Amino acid sequence: MSDQLERAISRFRRQPERNGDMPSRVTAAAFRAAVEVRLSNLERELGEVKGRVNGLIFVVLGAVITQVVLRLAGV
């Protein structure tokens, strides 16, 4: 049981870098800056997804309206 626990804990430890040094801790300001950058990227990507979904809805509604008009016209 202790081997399983040790393996589980070791997955959460920081891995040494290629040169053998352990990565340094990040300051709170650097962490906030990194989170802010990631959040702004996420917001931009979400905006892109919203635009694509809106475009898809527009295309589907256009196709439905076209089909209704064609059936009403008897074509």
PDB file of N, CA and C in Angstrom:
ATOM      1  N   MET A   1       0.822  -1.195   0.000  1.00  0.00           N
ATOM      2  CA  MET A   1       0.000   0.000   0.000  1.00  0.00           C
ATOM      3  C   MET A   1       0.863   1.255   0.000  1.00  0.00           C
ATOM      4  N   SER A   2       1.979   1.247   0.693  1.00  0.00           N
ATOM      5  CA  SER A   2       2.817   2.434   0.753  1.00  0.00           C
ATOM      6  C   SER A   2       3.469   2.724  -0.598  1.00  0.00           C
ATOM      7  N   ASP A   3       3.731   1.689  -1.405  1.00  0.00           N
ATOM      8  CA  ASP A   3       4.297   1.917  -2.738  1.00  0.00           C
ATOM      9  C   ASP A   3       3.300   2.653  -3.627  1.00  0.00           C
ATOM     10  N   GLN A   4       2.046   2.283  -3.539  1.00  0.00           N
ATOM     11  CA  GLN A   4       1.027   2.969  -4.332  1.00  0.00           C
ATOM     12  C   GLN A   4       0.897   4.423  -3.906  1.00  0.00           C
ATOM     13  N   LEU A   5       0.924   4.645  -2.608  1.00  0.00           N
ATOM     14  CA  LEU A   5       0.834   6.012  -2.096  1.00  0.00           C
ATOM     15  C   LEU A   5       2.040   6.829  -2.522  1.00  0.00           C
ATOM     16  N   GLU A   6       3.210   6.235  -2.461  1.00  0.00           N
ATOM     17  CA  GLU A   6       4.433   6.948  -2.859  1.00  0.00           C
ATOM     18  C   GLU A   6       4.397   7.302  -4.341  1.00  0.00           C
ATOM     19  N   ARG A   7       3.924   6.390  -5.179  1.00  0.00           N
ATOM     20  CA  ARG A   7       3.813   6.669  -6.616  1.00  0.00           C
ATOM     21  C   ARG A   7       2.798   7.780  -6.874  1.00  0.00           C
ATOM     22  N   ALA A   8       1.680   7.746  -6.147  1.00  0.00           N
ATOM     23  CA  ALA A   8       0.657   8.775  -6.325  1.00  0.00           C
ATOM     24  C   ALA A   8       1.185  10.140  -5.929  1.00  0.00           C
ATOM     25  N   ILE A   9       1.908  10.211  -4.833  1.00  0.00           N
ATOM     26  CA  ILE A   9       2.471  11.486  -4.384  1.00  0.00           C
ATOM     27  C   ILE A   9       3.549  11.967  -5.336  1.00  0.00           C
ATOM     28  N   SER A  10       4.341  11.055  -5.875  1.00  0.00           N
ATOM     29  CA  SER A  10       5.426  11.454  -6.773  1.00  0.00           C
ATOM     30  C   SER A  10       4.895  12.060  -8.066  1.00  0.00           C
ATOM     31  N   ARG A  11       3.670  11.735  -8.465  1.00  0.00           N
ATOM     32  CA  ARG A  11       3.105  12.340  -9.666  1.00  0.00           C
ATOM     33  C   ARG A  11       2.846  13.825  -9.477  1.00  0.00           C
ATOM     34  N   PHE A  12       2.646  14.260  -8.239  1.00  0.00           N
ATOM     35  CA  PHE A  12       2.361  15.664  -7.971  1.00  0.00           C
ATOM     36  C   PHE A  12       3.624  16.477  -7.682  1.00  0.00           C
ATOM     37  N   ARG A  13       4.742  15.829  -7.517  1.00  0.00           N
ATOM     38  CA  ARG A  13       5.994  16.548  -7.282  1.00  0.00           C
ATOM     39  C   ARG A  13       6.479  17.166  -8.578  1.00  0.00           C
ATOM     40  N   ARG A  14       7.222  18.231  -8.448  1.00  0.00           N
ATOM     41  CA  ARG A  14       7.801  18.863  -9.636  1.00  0.00           C
ATOM     42  C   ARG A  14       8.942  18.007 -10.150  1.00  0.00           C
ATOM     43  N   GLN A  15       8.977  17.884 -11.462  1.00  0.00           N
ATOM     44  CA  GLN A  15      10.037  17.113 -12.100  1.00  0.00           C
ATOM     45  C   GLN A  15      11.241  18.020 -12.326  1.00  0.00           C
ATOM     46  N   PRO A  16      12.457  17.504 -12.133  1.00  0.00           N
ATOM     47  CA  PRO A  16      13.643  18.327 -12.390  1.00  0.00           C
ATOM     48  C   PRO A  16      13.751  18.676 -13.875  1.00  0.00           C
ATOM     49  N   GLU A  17      14.329  19.829 -14.127  1.00  0.00           N
ATOM     50  CA  GLU A  17      14.525  20.254 -15.511  1.00  0.00           C
ATOM     51  C   GLU A  17      15.640  19.420 -16.123  1.00  0.00           C
ATOM     52  N   ARG A  18      15.879  19.615 -17.427  1.00  0.00           N
ATOM     53  CA  ARG A  18      16.861  18.796 -18.137  1.00  0.00           C
ATOM     54  C   ARG A  18      18.276  18.967 -17.598  1.00  0.00           C
ATOM     55  N   ASN A  19      18.570  20.165 -17.094  1.00  0.00           N
ATOM     56  CA  ASN A  19      19.922  20.386 -16.578  1.00  0.00           C
ATOM     57  C   ASN A  19      20.065  19.908 -15.134  1.00  0.00           C
ATOM     58  N   GLY A  20      19.007  19.325 -14.579  1.00  0.00           N
ATOM     59  CA  GLY A  20      19.078  18.769 -13.233  1.00  0.00           C
ATOM     60  C   GLY A  20      18.589  19.696 -12.144  1.00  0.00           C
ATOM     61  N   ASP A  21      18.371  20.968 -12.464  1.00  0.00           N
ATOM     62  CA  ASP A  21      17.895  21.917 -11.465  1.00  0.00           C
ATOM     63  C   ASP A  21      16.396  21.757 -11.265  1.00  0.00           C
ATOM     64  N   MET A  22      15.967  21.974 -10.055  1.00  0.00           N
ATOM     65  CA  MET A  22      14.536  21.983  -9.780  1.00  0.00           C
ATOM     66  C   MET A  22      13.979  23.335 -10.225  1.00  0.00           C
ATOM     67  N   PRO A  23      12.778  23.351 -10.804  1.00  0.00           N
ATOM     68  CA  PRO A  23      12.210  24.635 -11.214  1.00  0.00           C
ATOM     69  C   PRO A  23      11.960  25.524 -10.004  1.00  0.00           C
ATOM     70  N   SER A  24      12.189  26.813 -10.190  1.00  0.00           N
ATOM     71  CA  SER A  24      12.019  27.745  -9.073  1.00  0.00           C
ATOM     72  C   SER A  24      10.538  28.053  -8.875  1.00  0.00           C
ATOM     73  N   ARG A  25      10.216  28.503  -7.693  1.00  0.00           N
ATOM     74  CA  ARG A  25       8.828  28.859  -7.405  1.00  0.00           C
ATOM     75  C   ARG A  25       8.502  30.179  -8.084  1.00  0.00           C
ATOM     76  N   VAL A  26       7.244  30.331  -8.407  1.00  0.00           N
ATOM     77  CA  VAL A  26       6.783  31.522  -9.103  1.00  0.00           C
ATOM     78  C   VAL A  26       6.214  32.491  -8.072  1.00  0.00           C
ATOM     79  N   THR A  27       6.529  33.763  -8.235  1.00  0.00           N
ATOM     80  CA  THR A  27       5.991  34.761  -7.313  1.00  0.00           C
ATOM     81  C   THR A  27       4.505  34.952  -7.576  1.00  0.00           C
ATOM     82  N   ALA A  28       3.821  35.565  -6.630  1.00  0.00           N
ATOM     83  CA  ALA A  28       2.383  35.788  -6.765  1.00  0.00           C
ATOM     84  C   ALA A  28       2.088  36.710  -7.945  1.00  0.00           C
ATOM     85  N   ALA A  29       2.908  37.729  -8.131  1.00  0.00           N
ATOM     86  CA  ALA A  29       2.684  38.660  -9.240  1.00  0.00           C
ATOM     87  C   ALA A  29       2.866  37.964 -10.588  1.00  0.00           C
ATOM     88  N   ALA A  30       3.886  37.131 -10.696  1.00  0.00           N
ATOM     89  CA  ALA A  30       4.115  36.405 -11.949  1.00  0.00           C
ATOM     90  C   ALA A  30       2.987  35.422 -12.210  1.00  0.00           C
ATOM     91  N   PHE A  31       2.509  34.787 -11.155  1.00  0.00           N
ATOM     92  CA  PHE A  31       1.392  33.858 -11.300  1.00  0.00           C
ATOM     93  C   PHE A  31       0.139  34.584 -11.764  1.00  0.00           C
ATOM     94  N   ARG A  32      -0.144  35.746 -11.154  1.00  0.00           N
ATOM     95  CA  ARG A  32      -1.311  36.536 -11.562  1.00  0.00           C
ATOM     96  C   ARG A  32      -1.193  36.973 -13.019  1.00  0.00           C
ATOM     97  N   ALA A  33       0.005  37.373 -13.425  1.00  0.00           N
ATOM     98  CA  ALA A  33       0.215  37.794 -14.811  1.00  0.00           C
ATOM     99  C   ALA A  33      -0.012  36.623 -15.766  1.00  0.00           C
ATOM    100  N   ALA A  34       0.484  35.450 -15.403  1.00  0.00           N
ATOM    101  CA  ALA A  34       0.302  34.277 -16.252  1.00  0.00           C
ATOM    102  C   ALA A  34      -1.170  33.898 -16.336  1.00  0.00           C
ATOM    103  N   VAL A  35      -1.870  33.982 -15.217  1.00  0.00           N
ATOM    104  CA  VAL A  35      -3.295  33.660 -15.210  1.00  0.00           C
ATOM    105  C   VAL A  35      -4.063  34.673 -16.041  1.00  0.00           C
ATOM    106  N   GLU A  36      -3.680  35.950 -15.950  1.00  0.00           N
ATOM    107  CA  GLU A  36      -4.356  36.985 -16.725  1.00  0.00           C
ATOM    108  C   GLU A  36      -4.168  36.761 -18.224  1.00  0.00           C
ATOM    109  N   VAL A  37      -2.967  36.384 -18.626  1.00  0.00           N
ATOM    110  CA  VAL A  37      -2.710  36.116 -20.042  1.00  0.00           C
ATOM    111  C   VAL A  37      -3.527  34.914 -20.506  1.00  0.00           C
ATOM    112  N   ARG A  38      -3.537  33.863 -19.704  1.00  0.00           N
ATOM    113  CA  ARG A  38      -4.306  32.675 -20.081  1.00  0.00           C
ATOM    114  C   ARG A  38      -5.783  32.982 -20.141  1.00  0.00           C
ATOM    115  N   LEU A  39      -6.273  33.798 -19.216  1.00  0.00           N
ATOM    116  CA  LEU A  39      -7.690  34.161 -19.204  1.00  0.00           C
ATOM    117  C   LEU A  39      -8.049  35.002 -20.423  1.00  0.00           C
ATOM    118  N   SER A  40      -7.187  35.927 -20.789  1.00  0.00           N
ATOM    119  CA  SER A  40      -7.487  36.752 -21.966  1.00  0.00           C
ATOM    120  C   SER A  40      -7.468  35.901 -23.233  1.00  0.00           C
ATOM    121  N   ASN A  41      -6.559  34.925 -23.317  1.00  0.00           N
ATOM    122  CA  ASN A  41      -6.547  34.014 -24.463  1.00  0.00           C
ATOM    123  C   ASN A  41      -7.826  33.182 -24.496  1.00  0.00           C
ATOM    124  N   LEU A  42      -8.254  32.727 -23.338  1.00  0.00           N
ATOM    125  CA  LEU A  42      -9.477  31.944 -23.255  1.00  0.00           C
ATOM    126  C   LEU A  42     -10.689  32.770 -23.667  1.00  0.00           C
ATOM    127  N   GLU A  43     -10.738  34.030 -23.232  1.00  0.00           N
ATOM    128  CA  GLU A  43     -11.835  34.918 -23.618  1.00  0.00           C
ATOM    129  C   GLU A  43     -11.866  35.127 -25.133  1.00  0.00           C
ATOM    130  N   ARG A  44     -10.700  35.306 -25.729  1.00  0.00           N
ATOM    131  CA  ARG A  44     -10.637  35.497 -27.178  1.00  0.00           C
ATOM    132  C   ARG A  44     -11.104  34.248 -27.917  1.00  0.00           C
ATOM    133  N   GLU A  45     -10.667  33.083 -27.450  1.00  0.00           N
ATOM    134  CA  GLU A  45     -11.080  31.836 -28.080  1.00  0.00           C
ATOM    135  C   GLU A  45     -12.576  31.594 -27.894  1.00  0.00           C
ATOM    136  N   LEU A  46     -13.113  31.955 -26.746  1.00  0.00           N
ATOM    137  CA  LEU A  46     -14.544  31.824 -26.509  1.00  0.00           C
ATOM    138  C   LEU A  46     -15.325  32.727 -27.452  1.00  0.00           C
ATOM    139  N   GLY A  47     -14.826  33.922 -27.681  1.00  0.00           N
ATOM    140  CA  GLY A  47     -15.469  34.822 -28.637  1.00  0.00           C
ATOM    141  C   GLY A  47     -15.477  34.232 -30.038  1.00  0.00           C
ATOM    142  N   GLU A  48     -14.382  33.573 -30.404  1.00  0.00           N
ATOM    143  CA  GLU A  48     -14.310  32.930 -31.712  1.00  0.00           C
ATOM    144  C   GLU A  48     -15.318  31.787 -31.815  1.00  0.00           C
ATOM    145  N   VAL A  49     -15.442  31.009 -30.765  1.00  0.00           N
ATOM    146  CA  VAL A  49     -16.410  29.902 -30.761  1.00  0.00           C
ATOM    147  C   VAL A  49     -17.830  30.442 -30.850  1.00  0.00           C
ATOM    148  N   LYS A  50     -18.111  31.525 -30.116  1.00  0.00           N
ATOM    149  CA  LYS A  50     -19.444  32.127 -30.181  1.00  0.00           C
ATOM    150  C   LYS A  50     -19.751  32.583 -31.603  1.00  0.00           C
ATOM    151  N   GLY A  51     -18.788  33.185 -32.264  1.00  0.00           N
ATOM    152  CA  GLY A  51     -18.981  33.627 -33.643  1.00  0.00           C
ATOM    153  C   GLY A  51     -19.262  32.467 -34.574  1.00  0.00           C
ATOM    154  N   ARG A  52     -18.555  31.376 -34.375  1.00  0.00           N
ATOM    155  CA  ARG A  52     -18.780  30.201 -35.222  1.00  0.00           C
ATOM    156  C   ARG A  52     -20.153  29.600 -34.975  1.00  0.00           C
ATOM    157  N   VAL A  53     -20.564  29.525 -33.714  1.00  0.00           N
ATOM    158  CA  VAL A  53     -21.892  28.982 -33.395  1.00  0.00           C
ATOM    159  C   VAL A  53     -22.975  29.878 -33.975  1.00  0.00           C
ATOM    160  N   ASN A  54     -22.815  31.188 -33.848  1.00  0.00           N
ATOM    161  CA  ASN A  54     -23.794  32.106 -34.427  1.00  0.00           C
ATOM    162  C   ASN A  54     -23.870  31.946 -35.941  1.00  0.00           C
ATOM    163  N   GLY A  55     -22.739  31.788 -36.587  1.00  0.00           N
ATOM    164  CA  GLY A  55     -22.727  31.567 -38.034  1.00  0.00           C
ATOM    165  C   GLY A  55     -23.414  30.271 -38.411  1.00  0.00           C
ATOM    166  N   LEU A  56     -23.180  29.230 -37.637  1.00  0.00           N
ATOM    167  CA  LEU A  56     -23.813  27.948 -37.906  1.00  0.00           C
ATOM    168  C   LEU A  56     -25.325  28.034 -37.735  1.00  0.00           C
ATOM    169  N   ILE A  57     -25.769  28.717 -36.691  1.00  0.00           N
ATOM    170  CA  ILE A  57     -27.210  28.903 -36.477  1.00  0.00           C
ATOM    171  C   ILE A  57     -27.813  29.684 -37.639  1.00  0.00           C
ATOM    172  N   PHE A  58     -27.118  30.710 -38.100  1.00  0.00           N
ATOM    173  CA  PHE A  58     -27.607  31.515 -39.224  1.00  0.00           C
ATOM    174  C   PHE A  58     -27.747  30.661 -40.481  1.00  0.00           C
ATOM    175  N   VAL A  59     -26.783  29.803 -40.757  1.00  0.00           N
ATOM    176  CA  VAL A  59     -26.828  28.943 -41.938  1.00  0.00           C
ATOM    177  C   VAL A  59     -27.984  27.952 -41.835  1.00  0.00           C
ATOM    178  N   VAL A  60     -28.152  27.335 -40.674  1.00  0.00           N
ATOM    179  CA  VAL A  60     -29.228  26.354 -40.497  1.00  0.00           C
ATOM    180  C   VAL A  60     -30.587  27.032 -40.642  1.00  0.00           C
ATOM    181  N   LEU A  61     -30.766  28.197 -40.014  1.00  0.00           N
ATOM    182  CA  LEU A  61     -32.038  28.908 -40.149  1.00  0.00           C
ATOM    183  C   LEU A  61     -32.296  29.324 -41.590  1.00  0.00           C
ATOM    184  N   GLY A  62     -31.267  29.744 -42.274  1.00  0.00           N
ATOM    185  CA  GLY A  62     -31.423  30.101 -43.688  1.00  0.00           C
ATOM    186  C   GLY A  62     -31.861  28.915 -44.522  1.00  0.00           C
ATOM    187  N   ALA A  63     -31.291  27.741 -44.242  1.00  0.00           N
ATOM    188  CA  ALA A  63     -31.681  26.537 -44.985  1.00  0.00           C
ATOM    189  C   ALA A  63     -33.122  26.143 -44.674  1.00  0.00           C
ATOM    190  N   VAL A  64     -33.511  26.263 -43.406  1.00  0.00           N
ATOM    191  CA  VAL A  64     -34.890  25.923 -43.028  1.00  0.00           C
ATOM    192  C   VAL A  64     -35.867  26.879 -43.688  1.00  0.00           C
ATOM    193  N   ILE A  65     -35.594  28.159 -43.657  1.00  0.00           N
ATOM    194  CA  ILE A  65     -36.482  29.145 -44.274  1.00  0.00           C
ATOM    195  C   ILE A  65     -36.572  28.907 -45.781  1.00  0.00           C
ATOM    196  N   THR A  66     -35.439  28.581 -46.400  1.00  0.00           N
ATOM    197  CA  THR A  66     -35.446  28.301 -47.839  1.00  0.00           C
ATOM    198  C   THR A  66     -36.323  27.096 -48.157  1.00  0.00           C
ATOM    199  N   GLN A  67     -36.220  26.048 -47.363  1.00  0.00           N
ATOM    200  CA  GLN A  67     -37.039  24.860 -47.582  1.00  0.00           C
ATOM    201  C   GLN A  67     -38.527  25.160 -47.400  1.00  0.00           C
ATOM    202  N   VAL A  68     -38.865  25.951 -46.392  1.00  0.00           N
ATOM    203  CA  VAL A  68     -40.273  26.313 -46.161  1.00  0.00           C
ATOM    204  C   VAL A  68     -40.805  27.118 -47.345  1.00  0.00           C
ATOM    205  N   VAL A  69     -40.044  28.097 -47.809  1.00  0.00           N
ATOM    206  CA  VAL A  69     -40.480  28.918 -48.938  1.00  0.00           C
ATOM    207  C   VAL A  69     -40.628  28.065 -50.186  1.00  0.00           C
ATOM    208  N   LEU A  70     -39.708  27.151 -50.440  1.00  0.00           N
ATOM    209  CA  LEU A  70     -39.799  26.297 -51.622  1.00  0.00           C
ATOM    210  C   LEU A  70     -41.012  25.371 -51.544  1.00  0.00           C
ATOM    211  N   ARG A  71     -41.321  24.861 -50.373  1.00  0.00           N
ATOM    212  CA  ARG A  71     -42.503  23.981 -50.240  1.00  0.00           C
ATOM    213  C   ARG A  71     -43.796  24.778 -50.392  1.00  0.00           C
ATOM    214  N   LEU A  72     -43.813  25.997 -49.833  1.00  0.00           N
ATOM    215  CA  LEU A  72     -45.009  26.818 -49.991  1.00  0.00           C
ATOM    216  C   LEU A  72     -45.212  27.261 -51.436  1.00  0.00           C
ATOM    217  N   ALA A  73     -44.116  27.477 -52.157  1.00  0.00           N
ATOM    218  CA  ALA A  73     -44.193  27.904 -53.543  1.00  0.00           C
ATOM    219  C   ALA A  73     -44.533  26.730 -54.461  1.00  0.00           C
ATOM    220  N   GLY A  74     -44.386  25.498 -53.956  1.00  0.00           N
ATOM    221  CA  GLY A  74     -44.740  24.322 -54.755  1.00  0.00           C
ATOM    222  C   GLY A  74     -43.669  23.922 -55.748  1.00  0.00           C
ATOM    223  N   VAL A  75     -42.450  24.290 -55.479  1.00  0.00           N
ATOM    224  CA  VAL A  75     -41.361  23.950 -56.410  1.00  0.00           C
ATOM    225  C   VAL A  75     -40.805  22.595 -56.074  1.00  0.00           C
TER     226      VAL A  75
END
